[in-house]
Amino acid sequence: MPGQRKRKRQQEARSQRARAAYEERDGRWERIFSTQDEAEFRAFKSRFLAEHQSIDPSMVRIDVFCGRLVQPTSYCLSVFVPAESSERADRAGGAVTAVPQWP
């Protein structure tokens, strides 16, 4: 297909830049939402992105754990919390101040 190689290279470059940005930072991924219902996950994701437009999209991670016959598929939304925020959270009694608390 025309342009497929260019799109693939651009996508790889974006993912490498994102990986490099997180390799330089200290921090952790904090799970915000997890469910087994795809419709519920999509609704939460759209609400979350609409309410928190100031969050950098590269700081949001979406995981889909594919299920089989025994285990159902799971959907998780996580946010990257820098280490300095983690240290402040430890001093504040566990509440992370950099990331809003979600339901």
C-alpha atoms as a PDB file:
ATOM      1  CA  MET A   1       0.000   0.000   0.000  1.00  0.00           C
ATOM      2  CA  PRO A   2       1.284   3.471  -0.812  1.00  0.00           C
ATOM      3  CA  GLY A   3       2.568   5.364   2.220  1.00  0.00           C
ATOM      4  CA  GLN A   4       2.452   2.372   4.555  1.00  0.00           C
ATOM      5  CA  ARG A   5       6.208   2.345   5.111  1.00  0.00           C
ATOM      6  CA  LYS A   6       6.214   6.060   5.953  1.00  0.00           C
ATOM      7  CA  ARG A   7       3.322   5.679   8.425  1.00  0.00           C
ATOM      8  CA  LYS A   8       5.021   2.722  10.055  1.00  0.00           C
ATOM      9  CA  ARG A   9       8.301   4.655  10.465  1.00  0.00           C
ATOM     10  CA  GLN A  10       6.452   7.656  11.924  1.00  0.00           C
ATOM     11  CA  GLN A  11       4.593   5.422  14.387  1.00  0.00           C
ATOM     12  CA  GLU A  12       7.836   3.714  15.447  1.00  0.00           C
ATOM     13  CA  ALA A  13       9.536   7.100  15.902  1.00  0.00           C
ATOM     14  CA  ARG A  14       6.671   8.324  18.111  1.00  0.00           C
ATOM     15  CA  SER A  15       6.783   5.208  20.267  1.00  0.00           C
ATOM     16  CA  GLN A  16      10.589   5.445  20.610  1.00  0.00           C
ATOM     17  CA  ARG A  17      10.321   9.105  21.700  1.00  0.00           C
ATOM     18  CA  ALA A  18       7.671   8.187  24.270  1.00  0.00           C
ATOM     19  CA  ARG A  19       9.788   5.303  25.594  1.00  0.00           C
ATOM     20  CA  ALA A  20      12.862   7.532  25.814  1.00  0.00           C
ATOM     21  CA  ALA A  21      10.897  10.147  27.752  1.00  0.00           C
ATOM     22  CA  TYR A  22       9.861   7.579  30.378  1.00  0.00           C
ATOM     23  CA  GLU A  23      13.288   5.994  30.596  1.00  0.00           C
ATOM     24  CA  GLU A  24      14.694   9.369  31.645  1.00  0.00           C
ATOM     25  CA  ARG A  25      12.035   9.904  34.312  1.00  0.00           C
ATOM     26  CA  ASP A  26      11.623   8.184  37.619  1.00  0.00           C
ATOM     27  CA  GLY A  27       8.119   7.313  38.619  1.00  0.00           C
ATOM     28  CA  ARG A  28       5.421   4.704  38.443  1.00  0.00           C
ATOM     29  CA  TRP A  29       2.172   3.923  36.659  1.00  0.00           C
ATOM     30  CA  GLU A  30      -0.888   4.334  38.870  1.00  0.00           C
ATOM     31  CA  ARG A  31      -3.986   2.371  37.866  1.00  0.00           C
ATOM     32  CA  ILE A  32      -6.977   4.703  37.710  1.00  0.00           C
ATOM     33  CA  PHE A  33      -9.726   2.467  36.382  1.00  0.00           C
ATOM     34  CA  SER A  34     -10.155  -1.217  35.637  1.00  0.00           C
ATOM     35  CA  THR A  35     -13.166  -3.150  34.363  1.00  0.00           C
ATOM     36  CA  GLN A  36     -14.205  -6.157  32.295  1.00  0.00           C
ATOM     37  CA  ASP A  37     -17.006  -4.284  30.503  1.00  0.00           C
ATOM     38  CA  GLU A  38     -15.824  -2.663  27.259  1.00  0.00           C
ATOM     39  CA  ALA A  39     -18.724  -0.172  27.056  1.00  0.00           C
ATOM     40  CA  GLU A  40     -18.101   0.986  30.625  1.00  0.00           C
ATOM     41  CA  PHE A  41     -14.383   1.394  29.860  1.00  0.00           C
ATOM     42  CA  ARG A  42     -15.035   3.440  26.720  1.00  0.00           C
ATOM     43  CA  ALA A  43     -17.445   5.703  28.603  1.00  0.00           C
ATOM     44  CA  PHE A  44     -14.945   6.258  31.433  1.00  0.00           C
ATOM     45  CA  LYS A  45     -12.079   6.865  28.989  1.00  0.00           C
ATOM     46  CA  SER A  46     -14.002   9.523  27.053  1.00  0.00           C
ATOM     47  CA  ARG A  47     -15.142  11.227  30.295  1.00  0.00           C
ATOM     48  CA  PHE A  48     -11.594  11.115  31.682  1.00  0.00           C
ATOM     49  CA  LEU A  49     -10.021  12.596  28.548  1.00  0.00           C
ATOM     50  CA  ALA A  50     -12.698  15.306  28.338  1.00  0.00           C
ATOM     51  CA  GLU A  51     -12.344  16.303  32.009  1.00  0.00           C
ATOM     52  CA  HIS A  52      -8.537  16.211  32.105  1.00  0.00           C
ATOM     53  CA  GLN A  53      -7.460  17.840  28.854  1.00  0.00           C
ATOM     54  CA  SER A  54      -4.383  19.341  30.538  1.00  0.00           C
ATOM     55  CA  ILE A  55      -2.828  15.872  31.062  1.00  0.00           C
ATOM     56  CA  ASP A  56      -0.258  14.949  28.419  1.00  0.00           C
ATOM     57  CA  PRO A  57      -1.665  12.024  26.363  1.00  0.00           C
ATOM     58  CA  SER A  58       1.705  10.255  26.565  1.00  0.00           C
ATOM     59  CA  MET A  59       1.230  10.107  30.362  1.00  0.00           C
ATOM     60  CA  VAL A  60      -1.921   7.968  29.954  1.00  0.00           C
ATOM     61  CA  ARG A  61      -1.634   4.224  29.341  1.00  0.00           C
ATOM     62  CA  ILE A  62      -4.439   1.917  28.215  1.00  0.00           C
ATOM     63  CA  ASP A  63      -3.966  -1.815  28.758  1.00  0.00           C
ATOM     64  CA  VAL A  64      -6.206  -4.493  27.308  1.00  0.00           C
ATOM     65  CA  PHE A  65      -5.565  -7.907  28.795  1.00  0.00           C
ATOM     66  CA  CYS A  66      -7.040 -10.350  26.317  1.00  0.00           C
ATOM     67  CA  GLY A  67      -9.086 -13.101  27.880  1.00  0.00           C
ATOM     68  CA  ARG A  68      -9.638 -16.671  26.900  1.00  0.00           C
ATOM     69  CA  LEU A  69     -12.376 -19.124  27.723  1.00  0.00           C
ATOM     70  CA  VAL A  70     -11.541 -19.187  31.440  1.00  0.00           C
ATOM     71  CA  GLN A  71     -10.665 -15.512  32.041  1.00  0.00           C
ATOM     72  CA  PRO A  72     -12.590 -12.558  30.581  1.00  0.00           C
ATOM     73  CA  THR A  73     -10.905  -9.600  28.861  1.00  0.00           C
ATOM     74  CA  SER A  74      -9.874  -6.755  31.207  1.00  0.00           C
ATOM     75  CA  TYR A  75      -9.466  -3.065  30.398  1.00  0.00           C
ATOM     76  CA  CYS A  76      -7.225  -0.779  32.501  1.00  0.00           C
ATOM     77  CA  LEU A  77      -6.444   2.938  32.371  1.00  0.00           C
ATOM     78  CA  SER A  78      -3.254   4.114  34.118  1.00  0.00           C
ATOM     79  CA  VAL A  79      -1.534   7.480  34.600  1.00  0.00           C
ATOM     80  CA  PHE A  80       2.231   8.024  34.961  1.00  0.00           C
ATOM     81  CA  VAL A  81       3.104   9.626  38.306  1.00  0.00           C
ATOM     82  CA  PRO A  82       6.613  11.160  38.459  1.00  0.00           C
ATOM     83  CA  ALA A  83       8.840  10.160  41.387  1.00  0.00           C
ATOM     84  CA  GLU A  84       8.804  13.621  42.975  1.00  0.00           C
ATOM     85  CA  SER A  85       5.012  13.363  43.242  1.00  0.00           C
ATOM     86  CA  SER A  86       5.400   9.916  44.790  1.00  0.00           C
ATOM     87  CA  GLU A  87       7.726  11.310  47.439  1.00  0.00           C
ATOM     88  CA  ARG A  88       5.239  14.090  48.240  1.00  0.00           C
ATOM     89  CA  ALA A  89       2.483  11.492  48.451  1.00  0.00           C
ATOM     90  CA  ASP A  90       4.449   9.496  51.010  1.00  0.00           C
ATOM     91  CA  ARG A  91       4.815  12.574  53.169  1.00  0.00           C
ATOM     92  CA  ALA A  92       1.142  13.496  52.710  1.00  0.00           C
ATOM     93  CA  GLY A  93      -0.062  10.135  53.971  1.00  0.00           C
ATOM     94  CA  GLY A  94      -0.482   8.293  50.671  1.00  0.00           C
ATOM     95  CA  ALA A  95      -2.641  10.730  48.687  1.00  0.00           C
ATOM     96  CA  VAL A  96      -0.923  11.601  45.411  1.00  0.00           C
ATOM     97  CA  THR A  97      -1.137  15.357  44.931  1.00  0.00           C
ATOM     98  CA  ALA A  98      -0.063  15.548  41.269  1.00  0.00           C
ATOM     99  CA  VAL A  99      -2.841  13.331  39.945  1.00  0.00           C
ATOM    100  CA  PRO A 100      -6.512  13.953  40.784  1.00  0.00           C
ATOM    101  CA  GLN A 101      -8.247  11.151  42.634  1.00  0.00           C
ATOM    102  CA  TRP A 102     -10.710   9.208  40.464  1.00  0.00           C
ATOM    103  CA  PRO A 103     -13.723   7.217  41.527  1.00  0.00           C
END
